Amino acid sequence: MTKFYSAQAGGFYDSNIHGGNIPAQAVGISDTLHKELLDGQSKGKCIVPDDKGYPTLRDPLPQPPDPKVTGIEIEGVMCSATKDDQAGLIAVLTAYQLQGAAFKPTSFKFENGNSFLVTKDNIQALISKWLPFRQSFFIPS
């Protein structure tokens, strides 16, 4: 057997290439299994060790949604917090500050596809909830 898999290293070894530099815990695998594993990986599967350290294929684990896109709920609307959302809301906030009493309700569409009607009555609530949420992505925990 010339092919080996190391669960600790998470990779393959070939005695023709690596010689005596194969980790001690590596397990021998057939050329056929090696090819099946690489084919599966090229199709989006993950190569992981089983309980005995032998490589096997599995579906990738689902990734949690990006909280910047999932957002925070404000007045029943999930408001995302992407860079584009930030730039847009700053523009709306600037308009509110410049226009004062003349500020007209503004429908703002977030990156996540949801719309929020920004009014003089709810802009402070939006700012007090959304800005700390957005800022939380940059404050070390």
Protein backbone atom coordinates (compact mmCIF):
# COMPACT_ATOMS: atom_id res chain seq x y z
CA MET A 1 0.00 0.00 0.00
CA THR A 2 1.45 3.35 -0.98
CA LYS A 3 -1.38 5.75 0.01
CA PHE A 4 -2.04 6.84 3.59
CA TYR A 5 -4.45 9.16 5.38
CA SER A 6 -3.66 11.09 8.55
CA ALA A 7 -6.67 12.18 10.59
CA GLN A 8 -4.44 14.48 12.66
CA ALA A 9 -2.99 16.22 9.61
CA GLY A 10 -6.27 15.98 7.71
CA GLY A 11 -4.48 14.90 4.58
CA PHE A 12 -3.04 12.19 2.39
CA TYR A 13 0.47 10.81 2.08
CA ASP A 14 2.11 8.69 -0.58
CA SER A 15 5.12 6.58 0.36
CA ASN A 16 6.56 7.14 -3.14
CA ILE A 17 6.59 10.90 -2.44
CA HIS A 18 6.90 11.24 1.33
CA GLY A 19 9.13 8.23 1.98
CA GLY A 20 9.60 7.82 5.73
CA ASN A 21 7.92 11.13 6.56
CA ILE A 22 4.44 9.66 6.98
CA PRO A 23 2.90 10.27 10.43
CA ALA A 24 2.85 7.17 12.66
CA GLN A 25 -0.92 7.33 13.18
CA ALA A 26 -1.64 7.44 9.41
CA VAL A 27 -3.71 4.56 8.07
CA GLY A 28 -3.15 2.80 4.78
CA ILE A 29 -5.82 3.19 2.09
CA SER A 30 -6.27 1.74 -1.37
CA ASP A 31 -5.71 3.70 -4.55
CA THR A 32 -9.40 3.14 -5.34
CA LEU A 33 -10.54 4.68 -2.03
CA HIS A 34 -8.11 7.57 -2.47
CA LYS A 35 -9.61 8.32 -5.91
CA GLU A 36 -13.21 8.01 -4.57
CA LEU A 37 -12.43 10.43 -1.76
CA LEU A 38 -10.88 13.01 -4.08
CA ASP A 39 -13.78 12.66 -6.54
CA GLY A 40 -16.27 13.16 -3.71
CA GLN A 41 -14.37 16.19 -2.45
CA SER A 42 -14.42 17.73 -5.93
CA LYS A 43 -18.22 17.38 -5.83
CA GLY A 44 -18.52 19.30 -2.55
CA LYS A 45 -18.24 16.49 0.00
CA CYS A 46 -15.95 16.71 3.01
CA ILE A 47 -13.26 14.15 3.80
CA VAL A 48 -13.38 13.36 7.52
CA PRO A 49 -12.00 10.56 9.68
CA ASP A 50 -14.30 7.86 11.01
CA ASP A 51 -13.98 6.62 14.60
CA LYS A 52 -10.96 4.48 13.63
CA GLY A 53 -9.16 7.24 11.73
CA TYR A 54 -10.06 6.06 8.23
CA PRO A 55 -11.19 8.72 5.76
CA THR A 56 -14.82 8.88 4.73
CA LEU A 57 -17.02 11.33 2.83
CA ARG A 58 -19.85 13.37 4.31
CA ASP A 59 -21.96 16.31 3.32
CA PRO A 60 -20.61 19.66 4.54
CA LEU A 61 -22.21 20.99 7.69
CA PRO A 62 -24.68 23.78 7.07
CA GLN A 63 -23.16 27.19 7.66
CA PRO A 64 -24.91 29.51 10.06
CA PRO A 65 -26.39 32.52 8.32
CA ASP A 66 -24.29 35.67 8.26
CA PRO A 67 -25.73 37.86 11.01
CA LYS A 68 -24.96 40.95 8.92
CA VAL A 69 -27.44 39.71 6.31
CA THR A 70 -29.89 38.01 8.68
CA GLY A 71 -30.17 41.22 10.64
CA ILE A 72 -31.92 42.57 13.68
CA GLU A 73 -35.64 43.03 14.09
CA ILE A 74 -36.92 46.57 14.36
CA GLU A 75 -40.66 47.20 14.39
CA GLY A 76 -41.29 43.74 12.94
CA VAL A 77 -38.80 44.15 10.07
CA MET A 78 -35.54 42.18 9.86
CA CYS A 79 -32.98 44.87 9.06
CA SER A 80 -29.63 43.62 7.75
CA ALA A 81 -26.37 45.39 8.55
CA THR A 82 -24.08 45.11 5.55
CA LYS A 83 -21.64 47.77 4.38
CA ASP A 84 -24.17 48.91 1.77
CA ASP A 85 -26.89 49.12 4.42
CA GLN A 86 -24.61 51.27 6.54
CA ALA A 87 -23.84 53.66 3.68
CA GLY A 88 -27.53 53.95 2.80
CA LEU A 89 -28.71 54.51 6.35
CA ILE A 90 -26.04 57.13 6.92
CA ALA A 91 -27.40 58.94 3.84
CA VAL A 92 -30.95 58.76 5.26
CA LEU A 93 -29.74 59.92 8.68
CA THR A 94 -27.85 62.81 7.08
CA ALA A 95 -30.99 63.81 5.15
CA TYR A 96 -32.98 63.71 8.40
CA GLN A 97 -30.41 65.89 10.17
CA LEU A 98 -30.24 68.40 7.31
CA GLN A 99 -33.97 68.55 6.60
CA GLY A 100 -35.25 68.54 10.17
CA ALA A 101 -39.02 69.05 10.21
CA ALA A 102 -39.13 68.87 6.40
CA PHE A 103 -37.85 65.25 6.42
CA LYS A 104 -40.25 63.03 4.47
CA PRO A 105 -40.81 59.33 5.23
CA THR A 106 -38.23 57.31 3.33
CA SER A 107 -38.61 53.67 2.34
CA PHE A 108 -35.23 52.03 2.85
CA LYS A 109 -34.51 48.63 1.29
CA PHE A 110 -31.95 46.54 3.17
CA GLU A 111 -29.53 44.12 1.50
CA ASN A 112 -31.57 41.20 2.85
CA GLY A 113 -34.48 42.41 0.69
CA ASN A 114 -36.65 43.80 3.47
CA SER A 115 -37.93 47.37 3.44
CA PHE A 116 -38.30 49.71 6.39
CA LEU A 117 -40.19 52.99 6.29
CA VAL A 118 -37.99 55.53 8.08
CA THR A 119 -40.03 58.36 9.56
CA LYS A 120 -39.40 61.22 11.97
CA ASP A 121 -41.21 59.13 14.58
CA ASN A 122 -39.12 55.97 14.31
CA ILE A 123 -35.68 57.14 13.16
CA GLN A 124 -34.35 57.36 16.73
CA ALA A 125 -35.53 53.79 17.47
CA LEU A 126 -33.86 52.62 14.27
CA ILE A 127 -30.60 54.34 15.17
CA SER A 128 -30.61 53.13 18.79
CA LYS A 129 -31.05 49.47 17.74
CA TRP A 130 -29.37 49.22 14.35
CA LEU A 131 -26.13 51.13 15.02
CA PRO A 132 -25.08 49.03 18.06
CA PHE A 133 -25.90 45.87 16.06
CA ARG A 134 -23.72 47.01 13.17
CA GLN A 135 -20.98 48.18 15.51
CA SER A 136 -20.95 44.81 17.32
CA PHE A 137 -19.17 43.26 14.32
CA PHE A 138 -16.13 45.44 14.96
CA ILE A 139 -15.83 45.47 18.74
CA PRO A 140 -13.51 42.79 20.10
CA SER A 141 -15.30 40.45 22.48
